[in-house]
Amino acid sequence: MQKSKGYFMNDTALIIGRFNQLEKKIENISTIKEDEIINREELCHRLKITEATCIKWEKRGKILSFRIGPNVRYNWPAVLAKLQEQEKEVVHA
């Protein structure tokens, strides 16, 4: 019986953790203004990076992105904030 309680508690913790992650994503999306949303081409142009670099940065979590159907979009102010945050971490390291 004790073993099943442990599994239940573990599953509950995982569900709560996943719920919190989804809640944060929803909050981020709900605060996005339409005029701040840009596509990958525009992001690459503004940051002067290649598409391959952009994709690598997405995968590494260096920049934030979200999907609308098959299309990847970026919240420009959020991208800038994330990059500035990472720059400060490097300077303080």
PDB file of N, CA and C in Angstrom:
ATOM      1  N   MET A   1       0.820  -1.194   0.000  1.00  0.00           N
ATOM      2  CA  MET A   1       0.000   0.000   0.000  1.00  0.00           C
ATOM      3  C   MET A   1       0.866   1.260   0.000  1.00  0.00           C
ATOM      4  N   GLN A   2       1.922   1.271   0.755  1.00  0.00           N
ATOM      5  CA  GLN A   2       2.807   2.430   0.839  1.00  0.00           C
ATOM      6  C   GLN A   2       3.423   2.742  -0.521  1.00  0.00           C
ATOM      7  N   LYS A   3       3.725   1.690  -1.274  1.00  0.00           N
ATOM      8  CA  LYS A   3       4.345   1.878  -2.576  1.00  0.00           C
ATOM      9  C   LYS A   3       3.403   2.619  -3.522  1.00  0.00           C
ATOM     10  N   SER A   4       2.133   2.288  -3.522  1.00  0.00           N
ATOM     11  CA  SER A   4       1.184   2.949  -4.411  1.00  0.00           C
ATOM     12  C   SER A   4       0.967   4.407  -4.024  1.00  0.00           C
ATOM     13  N   LYS A   5       1.032   4.738  -2.738  1.00  0.00           N
ATOM     14  CA  LYS A   5       0.918   6.126  -2.304  1.00  0.00           C
ATOM     15  C   LYS A   5       2.081   6.944  -2.856  1.00  0.00           C
ATOM     16  N   GLY A   6       3.257   6.351  -2.858  1.00  0.00           N
ATOM     17  CA  GLY A   6       4.436   7.031  -3.396  1.00  0.00           C
ATOM     18  C   GLY A   6       4.270   7.334  -4.872  1.00  0.00           C
ATOM     19  N   TYR A   7       3.754   6.364  -5.617  1.00  0.00           N
ATOM     20  CA  TYR A   7       3.512   6.586  -7.040  1.00  0.00           C
ATOM     21  C   TYR A   7       2.463   7.668  -7.248  1.00  0.00           C
ATOM     22  N   PHE A   8       1.418   7.628  -6.434  1.00  0.00           N
ATOM     23  CA  PHE A   8       0.370   8.636  -6.537  1.00  0.00           C
ATOM     24  C   PHE A   8       0.931  10.026  -6.262  1.00  0.00           C
ATOM     25  N   MET A   9       1.732  10.155  -5.230  1.00  0.00           N
ATOM     26  CA  MET A   9       2.323  11.450  -4.884  1.00  0.00           C
ATOM     27  C   MET A   9       3.254  11.922  -5.994  1.00  0.00           C
ATOM     28  N   ASN A  10       4.011  11.001  -6.571  1.00  0.00           N
ATOM     29  CA  ASN A  10       4.929  11.328  -7.654  1.00  0.00           C
ATOM     30  C   ASN A  10       4.151  11.815  -8.875  1.00  0.00           C
ATOM     31  N   ASP A  11       3.081  11.105  -9.235  1.00  0.00           N
ATOM     32  CA  ASP A  11       2.250  11.500 -10.371  1.00  0.00           C
ATOM     33  C   ASP A  11       1.601  12.851 -10.122  1.00  0.00           C
ATOM     34  N   THR A  12       1.145  13.073  -8.917  1.00  0.00           N
ATOM     35  CA  THR A  12       0.520  14.351  -8.570  1.00  0.00           C
ATOM     36  C   THR A  12       1.517  15.491  -8.721  1.00  0.00           C
ATOM     37  N   ALA A  13       2.725  15.288  -8.248  1.00  0.00           N
ATOM     38  CA  ALA A  13       3.760  16.317  -8.365  1.00  0.00           C
ATOM     39  C   ALA A  13       4.069  16.613  -9.829  1.00  0.00           C
ATOM     40  N   LEU A  14       4.124  15.578 -10.648  1.00  0.00           N
ATOM     41  CA  LEU A  14       4.381  15.773 -12.077  1.00  0.00           C
ATOM     42  C   LEU A  14       3.247  16.543 -12.741  1.00  0.00           C
ATOM     43  N   ILE A  15       2.026  16.201 -12.394  1.00  0.00           N
ATOM     44  CA  ILE A  15       0.864  16.881 -12.972  1.00  0.00           C
ATOM     45  C   ILE A  15       0.845  18.352 -12.552  1.00  0.00           C
ATOM     46  N   ILE A  16       1.117  18.617 -11.292  1.00  0.00           N
ATOM     47  CA  ILE A  16       1.132  19.995 -10.805  1.00  0.00           C
ATOM     48  C   ILE A  16       2.257  20.784 -11.487  1.00  0.00           C
ATOM     49  N   GLY A  17       3.403  20.169 -11.623  1.00  0.00           N
ATOM     50  CA  GLY A  17       4.520  20.824 -12.305  1.00  0.00           C
ATOM     51  C   GLY A  17       4.180  21.166 -13.743  1.00  0.00           C
ATOM     52  N   ARG A  18       3.569  20.221 -14.446  1.00  0.00           N
ATOM     53  CA  ARG A  18       3.184  20.453 -15.842  1.00  0.00           C
ATOM     54  C   ARG A  18       2.115  21.538 -15.931  1.00  0.00           C
ATOM     55  N   PHE A  19       1.170  21.518 -15.008  1.00  0.00           N
ATOM     56  CA  PHE A  19       0.130  22.543 -14.973  1.00  0.00           C
ATOM     57  C   PHE A  19       0.745  23.925 -14.791  1.00  0.00           C
ATOM     58  N   ASN A  20       1.718  24.049 -13.890  1.00  0.00           N
ATOM     59  CA  ASN A  20       2.371  25.335 -13.653  1.00  0.00           C
ATOM     60  C   ASN A  20       3.102  25.824 -14.894  1.00  0.00           C
ATOM     61  N   GLN A  21       3.748  24.903 -15.623  1.00  0.00           N
ATOM     62  CA  GLN A  21       4.425  25.273 -16.864  1.00  0.00           C
ATOM     63  C   GLN A  21       3.424  25.800 -17.890  1.00  0.00           C
ATOM     64  N   LEU A  22       2.314  25.098 -18.042  1.00  0.00           N
ATOM     65  CA  LEU A  22       1.292  25.525 -18.995  1.00  0.00           C
ATOM     66  C   LEU A  22       0.683  26.869 -18.592  1.00  0.00           C
ATOM     67  N   GLU A  23       0.490  27.059 -17.307  1.00  0.00           N
ATOM     68  CA  GLU A  23      -0.064  28.315 -16.818  1.00  0.00           C
ATOM     69  C   GLU A  23       0.852  29.488 -17.168  1.00  0.00           C
ATOM     70  N   LYS A  24       2.166  29.300 -17.007  1.00  0.00           N
ATOM     71  CA  LYS A  24       3.129  30.348 -17.356  1.00  0.00           C
ATOM     72  C   LYS A  24       3.094  30.649 -18.848  1.00  0.00           C
ATOM     73  N   LYS A  25       2.998  29.596 -19.678  1.00  0.00           N
ATOM     74  CA  LYS A  25       2.929  29.805 -21.127  1.00  0.00           C
ATOM     75  C   LYS A  25       1.675  30.590 -21.496  1.00  0.00           C
ATOM     76  N   ILE A  26       0.567  30.254 -20.883  1.00  0.00           N
ATOM     77  CA  ILE A  26      -0.683  30.960 -21.163  1.00  0.00           C
ATOM     78  C   ILE A  26      -0.567  32.419 -20.756  1.00  0.00           C
ATOM     79  N   GLU A  27       0.030  32.688 -19.604  1.00  0.00           N
ATOM     80  CA  GLU A  27       0.214  34.067 -19.152  1.00  0.00           C
ATOM     81  C   GLU A  27       1.070  34.840 -20.145  1.00  0.00           C
ATOM     82  N   ASN A  28       2.144  34.218 -20.624  1.00  0.00           N
ATOM     83  CA  ASN A  28       3.021  34.881 -21.588  1.00  0.00           C
ATOM     84  C   ASN A  28       2.283  35.187 -22.879  1.00  0.00           C
ATOM     85  N   ILE A  29       1.529  34.240 -23.373  1.00  0.00           N
ATOM     86  CA  ILE A  29       0.810  34.432 -24.626  1.00  0.00           C
ATOM     87  C   ILE A  29      -0.276  35.485 -24.462  1.00  0.00           C
ATOM     88  N   SER A  30      -0.960  35.499 -23.341  1.00  0.00           N
ATOM     89  CA  SER A  30      -2.063  36.442 -23.153  1.00  0.00           C
ATOM     90  C   SER A  30      -1.587  37.876 -23.007  1.00  0.00           C
ATOM     91  N   THR A  31      -0.314  38.101 -22.690  1.00  0.00           N
ATOM     92  CA  THR A  31       0.197  39.460 -22.545  1.00  0.00           C
ATOM     93  C   THR A  31       0.867  39.978 -23.816  1.00  0.00           C
ATOM     94  N   ILE A  32       0.904  39.174 -24.855  1.00  0.00           N
ATOM     95  CA  ILE A  32       1.554  39.565 -26.099  1.00  0.00           C
ATOM     96  C   ILE A  32       0.658  40.524 -26.875  1.00  0.00           C
ATOM     97  N   LYS A  33       1.229  41.609 -27.314  1.00  0.00           N
ATOM     98  CA  LYS A  33       0.511  42.540 -28.179  1.00  0.00           C
ATOM     99  C   LYS A  33       0.767  42.125 -29.615  1.00  0.00           C
ATOM    100  N   GLU A  34      -0.240  42.229 -30.443  1.00  0.00           N
ATOM    101  CA  GLU A  34      -0.136  41.761 -31.817  1.00  0.00           C
ATOM    102  C   GLU A  34       0.992  42.434 -32.584  1.00  0.00           C
ATOM    103  N   ASP A  35       1.228  43.721 -32.338  1.00  0.00           N
ATOM    104  CA  ASP A  35       2.256  44.424 -33.101  1.00  0.00           C
ATOM    105  C   ASP A  35       3.677  44.058 -32.667  1.00  0.00           C
ATOM    106  N   GLU A  36       3.817  43.275 -31.607  1.00  0.00           N
ATOM    107  CA  GLU A  36       5.126  42.841 -31.134  1.00  0.00           C
ATOM    108  C   GLU A  36       5.491  41.455 -31.660  1.00  0.00           C
ATOM    109  N   ILE A  37       4.598  40.823 -32.371  1.00  0.00           N
ATOM    110  CA  ILE A  37       4.819  39.467 -32.867  1.00  0.00           C
ATOM    111  C   ILE A  37       5.501  39.538 -34.225  1.00  0.00           C
ATOM    112  N   ILE A  38       6.598  38.799 -34.338  1.00  0.00           N
ATOM    113  CA  ILE A  38       7.323  38.773 -35.610  1.00  0.00           C
ATOM    114  C   ILE A  38       7.587  37.333 -36.020  1.00  0.00           C
ATOM    115  N   ASN A  39       7.853  37.124 -37.294  1.00  0.00           N
ATOM    116  CA  ASN A  39       8.162  35.787 -37.791  1.00  0.00           C
ATOM    117  C   ASN A  39       9.676  35.557 -37.771  1.00  0.00           C
ATOM    118  N   ARG A  40      10.094  34.376 -38.140  1.00  0.00           N
ATOM    119  CA  ARG A  40      11.507  34.015 -38.074  1.00  0.00           C
ATOM    120  C   ARG A  40      12.352  34.878 -39.011  1.00  0.00           C
ATOM    121  N   GLU A  41      11.849  35.130 -40.184  1.00  0.00           N
ATOM    122  CA  GLU A  41      12.599  35.946 -41.147  1.00  0.00           C
ATOM    123  C   GLU A  41      12.897  37.334 -40.569  1.00  0.00           C
ATOM    124  N   GLU A  42      11.883  37.952 -39.972  1.00  0.00           N
ATOM    125  CA  GLU A  42      12.053  39.280 -39.383  1.00  0.00           C
ATOM    126  C   GLU A  42      12.997  39.221 -38.191  1.00  0.00           C
ATOM    127  N   LEU A  43      12.882  38.186 -37.374  1.00  0.00           N
ATOM    128  CA  LEU A  43      13.774  38.044 -36.223  1.00  0.00           C
ATOM    129  C   LEU A  43      15.225  37.940 -36.681  1.00  0.00           C
ATOM    130  N   CYS A  44      15.466  37.097 -37.674  1.00  0.00           N
ATOM    131  CA  CYS A  44      16.827  36.938 -38.195  1.00  0.00           C
ATOM    132  C   CYS A  44      17.356  38.265 -38.732  1.00  0.00           C
ATOM    133  N   HIS A  45      16.498  38.998 -39.416  1.00  0.00           N
ATOM    134  CA  HIS A  45      16.888  40.298 -39.955  1.00  0.00           C
ATOM    135  C   HIS A  45      17.253  41.257 -38.822  1.00  0.00           C
ATOM    136  N   ARG A  46      16.414  41.352 -37.801  1.00  0.00           N
ATOM    137  CA  ARG A  46      16.655  42.286 -36.700  1.00  0.00           C
ATOM    138  C   ARG A  46      17.892  41.932 -35.889  1.00  0.00           C
ATOM    139  N   LEU A  47      18.137  40.625 -35.697  1.00  0.00           N
ATOM    140  CA  LEU A  47      19.297  40.194 -34.901  1.00  0.00           C
ATOM    141  C   LEU A  47      20.549  39.984 -35.753  1.00  0.00           C
ATOM    142  N   LYS A  48      20.373  40.064 -37.074  1.00  0.00           N
ATOM    143  CA  LYS A  48      21.486  39.846 -38.016  1.00  0.00           C
ATOM    144  C   LYS A  48      22.116  38.462 -37.802  1.00  0.00           C
ATOM    145  N   ILE A  49      21.246  37.454 -37.762  1.00  0.00           N
ATOM    146  CA  ILE A  49      21.685  36.069 -37.628  1.00  0.00           C
ATOM    147  C   ILE A  49      21.070  35.247 -38.764  1.00  0.00           C
ATOM    148  N   THR A  50      21.626  34.066 -38.991  1.00  0.00           N
ATOM    149  CA  THR A  50      21.073  33.176 -40.011  1.00  0.00           C
ATOM    150  C   THR A  50      19.885  32.403 -39.435  1.00  0.00           C
ATOM    151  N   GLU A  51      19.109  31.812 -40.317  1.00  0.00           N
ATOM    152  CA  GLU A  51      17.977  30.997 -39.868  1.00  0.00           C
ATOM    153  C   GLU A  51      18.468  29.796 -39.059  1.00  0.00           C
ATOM    154  N   ALA A  52      19.597  29.215 -39.481  1.00  0.00           N
ATOM    155  CA  ALA A  52      20.152  28.068 -38.754  1.00  0.00           C
ATOM    156  C   ALA A  52      20.524  28.463 -37.318  1.00  0.00           C
ATOM    157  N   THR A  53      21.112  29.626 -37.152  1.00  0.00           N
ATOM    158  CA  THR A  53      21.457  30.110 -35.813  1.00  0.00           C
ATOM    159  C   THR A  53      20.205  30.328 -34.986  1.00  0.00           C
ATOM    160  N   CYS A  54      19.193  30.900 -35.605  1.00  0.00           N
ATOM    161  CA  CYS A  54      17.922  31.140 -34.927  1.00  0.00           C
ATOM    162  C   CYS A  54      17.337  29.825 -34.404  1.00  0.00           C
ATOM    163  N   ILE A  55      17.327  28.818 -35.230  1.00  0.00           N
ATOM    164  CA  ILE A  55      16.784  27.513 -34.840  1.00  0.00           C
ATOM    165  C   ILE A  55      17.606  26.915 -33.694  1.00  0.00           C
ATOM    166  N   LYS A  56      18.938  27.021 -33.759  1.00  0.00           N
ATOM    167  CA  LYS A  56      19.797  26.520 -32.681  1.00  0.00           C
ATOM    168  C   LYS A  56      19.484  27.233 -31.366  1.00  0.00           C
ATOM    169  N   TRP A  57      19.344  28.545 -31.438  1.00  0.00           N
ATOM    170  CA  TRP A  57      19.056  29.323 -30.237  1.00  0.00           C
ATOM    171  C   TRP A  57      17.709  28.934 -29.645  1.00  0.00           C
ATOM    172  N   GLU A  58      16.732  28.662 -30.506  1.00  0.00           N
ATOM    173  CA  GLU A  58      15.418  28.211 -30.018  1.00  0.00           C
ATOM    174  C   GLU A  58      15.569  26.903 -29.254  1.00  0.00           C
ATOM    175  N   LYS A  59      16.267  25.947 -29.862  1.00  0.00           N
ATOM    176  CA  LYS A  59      16.432  24.627 -29.251  1.00  0.00           C
ATOM    177  C   LYS A  59      17.183  24.700 -27.928  1.00  0.00           C
ATOM    178  N   ARG A  60      18.122  25.624 -27.817  1.00  0.00           N
ATOM    179  CA  ARG A  60      18.917  25.773 -26.591  1.00  0.00           C
ATOM    180  C   ARG A  60      18.220  26.640 -25.544  1.00  0.00           C
ATOM    181  N   GLY A  61      17.086  27.224 -25.924  1.00  0.00           N
ATOM    182  CA  GLY A  61      16.358  28.073 -24.996  1.00  0.00           C
ATOM    183  C   GLY A  61      16.919  29.473 -24.881  1.00  0.00           C
ATOM    184  N   LYS A  62      17.777  29.846 -25.819  1.00  0.00           N
ATOM    185  CA  LYS A  62      18.379  31.173 -25.786  1.00  0.00           C
ATOM    186  C   LYS A  62      17.371  32.247 -26.188  1.00  0.00           C
ATOM    187  N   ILE A  63      16.438  31.901 -27.066  1.00  0.00           N
ATOM    188  CA  ILE A  63      15.354  32.801 -27.432  1.00  0.00           C
ATOM    189  C   ILE A  63      14.032  32.062 -27.287  1.00  0.00           C
ATOM    190  N   LEU A  64      12.990  32.825 -27.010  1.00  0.00           N
ATOM    191  CA  LEU A  64      11.664  32.255 -26.797  1.00  0.00           C
ATOM    192  C   LEU A  64      10.855  32.323 -28.083  1.00  0.00           C
ATOM    193  N   SER A  65      10.116  31.259 -28.352  1.00  0.00           N
ATOM    194  CA  SER A  65       9.262  31.220 -29.531  1.00  0.00           C
ATOM    195  C   SER A  65       7.966  30.511 -29.180  1.00  0.00           C
ATOM    196  N   PHE A  66       6.990  30.647 -30.048  1.00  0.00           N
ATOM    197  CA  PHE A  66       5.752  29.900 -29.900  1.00  0.00           C
ATOM    198  C   PHE A  66       5.196  29.641 -31.284  1.00  0.00           C
ATOM    199  N   ARG A  67       4.288  28.706 -31.363  1.00  0.00           N
ATOM    200  CA  ARG A  67       3.715  28.327 -32.653  1.00  0.00           C
ATOM    201  C   ARG A  67       2.263  28.745 -32.746  1.00  0.00           C
ATOM    202  N   ILE A  68       1.911  29.196 -33.929  1.00  0.00           N
ATOM    203  CA  ILE A  68       0.524  29.412 -34.287  1.00  0.00           C
ATOM    204  C   ILE A  68       0.310  28.510 -35.492  1.00  0.00           C
ATOM    205  N   GLY A  69      -0.291  27.358 -35.256  1.00  0.00           N
ATOM    206  CA  GLY A  69      -0.384  26.344 -36.303  1.00  0.00           C
ATOM    207  C   GLY A  69       1.020  25.885 -36.652  1.00  0.00           C
ATOM    208  N   PRO A  70       1.366  25.842 -37.930  1.00  0.00           N
ATOM    209  CA  PRO A  70       2.707  25.406 -38.325  1.00  0.00           C
ATOM    210  C   PRO A  70       3.745  26.531 -38.285  1.00  0.00           C
ATOM    211  N   ASN A  71       3.323  27.741 -37.976  1.00  0.00           N
ATOM    212  CA  ASN A  71       4.207  28.904 -38.041  1.00  0.00           C
ATOM    213  C   ASN A  71       4.830  29.229 -36.691  1.00  0.00           C
ATOM    214  N   VAL A  72       6.124  29.530 -36.712  1.00  0.00           N
ATOM    215  CA  VAL A  72       6.837  29.929 -35.506  1.00  0.00           C
ATOM    216  C   VAL A  72       6.799  31.447 -35.426  1.00  0.00           C
ATOM    217  N   ARG A  73       6.511  31.946 -34.239  1.00  0.00           N
ATOM    218  CA  ARG A  73       6.438  33.385 -34.027  1.00  0.00           C
ATOM    219  C   ARG A  73       7.231  33.748 -32.772  1.00  0.00           C
ATOM    220  N   TYR A  74       7.574  35.027 -32.669  1.00  0.00           N
ATOM    221  CA  TYR A  74       8.391  35.523 -31.565  1.00  0.00           C
ATOM    222  C   TYR A  74       7.791  36.809 -31.022  1.00  0.00           C
ATOM    223  N   ASN A  75       7.851  36.962 -29.724  1.00  0.00           N
ATOM    224  CA  ASN A  75       7.488  38.205 -29.077  1.00  0.00           C
ATOM    225  C   ASN A  75       8.785  39.004 -28.998  1.00  0.00           C
ATOM    226  N   TRP A  76       8.902  40.035 -29.835  1.00  0.00           N
ATOM    227  CA  TRP A  76      10.153  40.773 -29.965  1.00  0.00           C
ATOM    228  C   TRP A  76      10.666  41.307 -28.626  1.00  0.00           C
ATOM    229  N   PRO A  77       9.856  41.992 -27.807  1.00  0.00           N
ATOM    230  CA  PRO A  77      10.372  42.463 -26.514  1.00  0.00           C
ATOM    231  C   PRO A  77      10.839  41.322 -25.602  1.00  0.00           C
ATOM    232  N   ALA A  78      10.150  40.184 -25.647  1.00  0.00           N
ATOM    233  CA  ALA A  78      10.551  39.034 -24.819  1.00  0.00           C
ATOM    234  C   ALA A  78      11.880  38.464 -25.291  1.00  0.00           C
ATOM    235  N   VAL A  79      12.091  38.436 -26.600  1.00  0.00           N
ATOM    236  CA  VAL A  79      13.365  37.946 -27.147  1.00  0.00           C
ATOM    237  C   VAL A  79      14.497  38.858 -26.689  1.00  0.00           C
ATOM    238  N   LEU A  80      14.302  40.161 -26.819  1.00  0.00           N
ATOM    239  CA  LEU A  80      15.334  41.107 -26.387  1.00  0.00           C
ATOM    240  C   LEU A  80      15.628  40.979 -24.898  1.00  0.00           C
ATOM    241  N   ALA A  81      14.587  40.856 -24.097  1.00  0.00           N
ATOM    242  CA  ALA A  81      14.772  40.725 -22.646  1.00  0.00           C
ATOM    243  C   ALA A  81      15.561  39.463 -22.307  1.00  0.00           C
ATOM    244  N   LYS A  82      15.240  38.360 -22.965  1.00  0.00           N
ATOM    245  CA  LYS A  82      15.931  37.083 -22.709  1.00  0.00           C
ATOM    246  C   LYS A  82      17.406  37.191 -23.094  1.00  0.00           C
ATOM    247  N   LEU A  83      17.690  37.800 -24.235  1.00  0.00           N
ATOM    248  CA  LEU A  83      19.079  37.946 -24.674  1.00  0.00           C
ATOM    249  C   LEU A  83      19.857  38.869 -23.730  1.00  0.00           C
ATOM    250  N   GLN A  84      19.232  39.950 -23.283  1.00  0.00           N
ATOM    251  CA  GLN A  84      19.885  40.862 -22.346  1.00  0.00           C
ATOM    252  C   GLN A  84      20.143  40.181 -21.007  1.00  0.00           C
ATOM    253  N   GLU A  85      19.196  39.374 -20.554  1.00  0.00           N
ATOM    254  CA  GLU A  85      19.352  38.626 -19.306  1.00  0.00           C
ATOM    255  C   GLU A  85      20.550  37.684 -19.402  1.00  0.00           C
ATOM    256  N   GLN A  86      20.674  37.000 -20.522  1.00  0.00           N
ATOM    257  CA  GLN A  86      21.772  36.062 -20.715  1.00  0.00           C
ATOM    258  C   GLN A  86      23.104  36.807 -20.819  1.00  0.00           C
ATOM    259  N   GLU A  87      23.088  37.979 -21.418  1.00  0.00           N
ATOM    260  CA  GLU A  87      24.309  38.788 -21.529  1.00  0.00           C
ATOM    261  C   GLU A  87      24.792  39.191 -20.145  1.00  0.00           C
ATOM    262  N   LYS A  88      23.858  39.566 -19.261  1.00  0.00           N
ATOM    263  CA  LYS A  88      24.227  39.951 -17.897  1.00  0.00           C
ATOM    264  C   LYS A  88      24.820  38.771 -17.144  1.00  0.00           C
ATOM    265  N   GLU A  89      24.272  37.566 -17.368  1.00  0.00           N
ATOM    266  CA  GLU A  89      24.787  36.362 -16.706  1.00  0.00           C
ATOM    267  C   GLU A  89      26.221  36.093 -17.117  1.00  0.00           C
ATOM    268  N   VAL A  90      26.538  36.312 -18.392  1.00  0.00           N
ATOM    269  CA  VAL A  90      27.899  36.083 -18.894  1.00  0.00           C
ATOM    270  C   VAL A  90      28.851  37.095 -18.292  1.00  0.00           C
ATOM    271  N   VAL A  91      28.422  38.346 -18.199  1.00  0.00           N
ATOM    272  CA  VAL A  91      29.267  39.405 -17.639  1.00  0.00           C
ATOM    273  C   VAL A  91      29.569  39.149 -16.182  1.00  0.00           C
ATOM    274  N   HIS A  92      28.570  38.663 -15.419  1.00  0.00           N
ATOM    275  CA  HIS A  92      28.759  38.405 -13.992  1.00  0.00           C
ATOM    276  C   HIS A  92      29.450  37.088 -13.694  1.00  0.00           C
ATOM    277  N   ALA A  93      29.603  36.234 -14.669  1.00  0.00           N
ATOM    278  CA  ALA A  93      30.227  34.929 -14.444  1.00  0.00           C
ATOM    279  C   ALA A  93      31.715  35.022 -14.322  1.00  0.00           C
TER     280      ALA A  93
END
